[in-house]
Amino acid sequence: MLYGAKHPASAPSRVGFIVGKNVGNAVTRNLVKRRLRQVAAGWVAANPCGYDVVVRALPPAGEADWPTLRKDLLACLGTVERKLGRSDQAEQEGGVS
C-alpha cells in the first residue's frame, strides 16, 4: 500500500516505510525493509525532488521473493507518480481531476 504527496520541485523526495508485526518476525520485517529501501533508493535517484511517499508493507510482503517485491513496489511508485503528475497538470490548466 502506498501513500504519496507532491511537493514543490525544490523539496527533496522522501520515502518512509511502515512494516508492522503482521508481516512477520523481526528478521523478516528487517529483510522486507532493506529490500524496500533498495528499490526506493533507485526511484529517489530518478526522482530527486518533489515527492513524499509512505510505503506500508502488507502481510504478503513477508513471503514475497525479491523480484516480486521489487516489481510490485516499482509498479506502485509508477502509479503514484502518474496520478500526482496528472493532478499537477490539472492544477496548472485550471481544472480538477
Protein backbone atom coordinates (compact mmCIF):
# COMPACT_ATOMS: atom_id res chain seq x y z
CA MET A 1 0.00 0.00 0.00
CA LEU A 2 1.38 3.41 -0.95
CA TYR A 3 0.55 6.97 0.02
CA GLY A 4 2.04 9.84 -1.93
CA ALA A 5 2.08 13.62 -2.00
CA LYS A 6 3.58 16.11 -4.42
CA HIS A 7 5.66 18.98 -3.06
CA PRO A 8 7.41 21.92 -4.70
CA ALA A 9 10.21 20.94 -7.06
CA SER A 10 12.76 22.41 -4.64
CA ALA A 11 11.83 19.95 -1.84
CA PRO A 12 13.83 16.69 -1.85
CA SER A 13 11.93 13.44 -2.38
CA ARG A 14 11.48 11.31 0.72
CA VAL A 15 10.30 7.73 1.24
CA GLY A 16 9.18 6.26 4.55
CA PHE A 17 8.28 2.69 5.46
CA ILE A 18 5.73 1.07 7.75
CA VAL A 19 6.39 -2.63 8.33
CA GLY A 20 4.18 -3.98 11.09
CA LYS A 21 4.39 -7.18 13.09
CA ASN A 22 1.76 -8.76 10.86
CA VAL A 23 4.45 -9.00 8.12
CA GLY A 24 6.48 -11.48 10.15
CA ASN A 25 9.08 -11.77 12.87
CA ALA A 26 11.86 -9.19 13.34
CA VAL A 27 14.21 -10.89 10.87
CA THR A 28 11.53 -10.95 8.17
CA ARG A 29 10.46 -7.36 8.82
CA ASN A 30 14.05 -6.12 8.58
CA LEU A 31 14.61 -8.07 5.36
CA VAL A 32 11.48 -6.51 3.85
CA LYS A 33 12.60 -3.02 4.94
CA ARG A 34 16.09 -3.49 3.43
CA ARG A 35 14.62 -4.66 0.14
CA LEU A 36 12.11 -1.81 0.03
CA ARG A 37 14.85 0.71 0.83
CA GLN A 38 16.98 -0.63 -2.02
CA VAL A 39 14.19 -0.20 -4.56
CA ALA A 40 13.20 3.20 -3.16
CA ALA A 41 16.80 4.45 -3.38
CA GLY A 42 16.80 3.84 -7.13
CA TRP A 43 13.44 5.57 -7.50
CA VAL A 44 14.58 8.59 -5.48
CA ALA A 45 17.70 8.83 -7.64
CA ALA A 46 15.42 9.07 -10.69
CA ASN A 47 13.01 11.49 -8.90
CA PRO A 48 15.27 13.51 -6.58
CA CYS A 49 12.78 16.32 -5.87
CA GLY A 50 9.11 16.88 -5.29
CA TYR A 51 7.68 13.67 -3.79
CA ASP A 52 6.85 12.35 -0.32
CA VAL A 53 5.90 8.67 -0.30
CA VAL A 54 4.95 6.31 2.53
CA VAL A 55 5.11 2.57 1.82
CA ARG A 56 3.09 0.31 4.09
CA ALA A 57 4.13 -3.33 3.74
CA LEU A 58 1.18 -5.71 3.87
CA PRO A 59 1.49 -9.27 5.27
CA PRO A 60 2.19 -10.94 1.88
CA ALA A 61 5.38 -8.84 1.62
CA GLY A 62 6.96 -11.09 4.26
CA GLU A 63 6.61 -14.11 1.99
CA ALA A 64 7.37 -12.37 -1.33
CA ASP A 65 10.66 -13.04 -3.06
CA TRP A 66 12.97 -10.20 -4.10
CA PRO A 67 11.89 -9.89 -7.78
CA THR A 68 8.20 -9.88 -6.85
CA LEU A 69 8.63 -7.27 -4.12
CA ARG A 70 10.72 -5.09 -6.45
CA LYS A 71 8.21 -5.37 -9.32
CA ASP A 72 5.25 -4.58 -7.06
CA LEU A 73 6.88 -1.55 -5.43
CA LEU A 74 8.05 -0.11 -8.76
CA ALA A 75 4.55 -0.55 -10.19
CA CYS A 76 3.02 1.24 -7.20
CA LEU A 77 5.57 4.06 -7.37
CA GLY A 78 4.87 4.47 -11.07
CA THR A 79 1.12 4.68 -10.42
CA VAL A 80 1.56 7.30 -7.70
CA GLU A 81 3.92 9.27 -9.92
CA ARG A 82 1.42 9.24 -12.81
CA LYS A 83 -1.52 10.21 -10.61
CA LEU A 84 0.36 13.03 -8.92
CA GLY A 85 1.68 14.21 -12.27
CA ARG A 86 -1.87 14.23 -13.65
CA SER A 87 -3.14 16.30 -10.71
CA ASP A 88 -0.29 18.80 -11.23
CA GLN A 89 -1.22 19.20 -14.90
CA ALA A 90 -4.88 19.75 -13.99
CA GLU A 91 -3.94 22.42 -11.46
CA GLN A 92 -1.73 24.19 -14.00
CA GLU A 93 -4.54 24.10 -16.57
CA GLY A 94 -7.06 25.35 -14.01
CA GLY A 95 -9.10 22.14 -13.86
CA VAL A 96 -9.56 19.48 -11.24
CA SER A 97 -9.19 15.77 -11.90
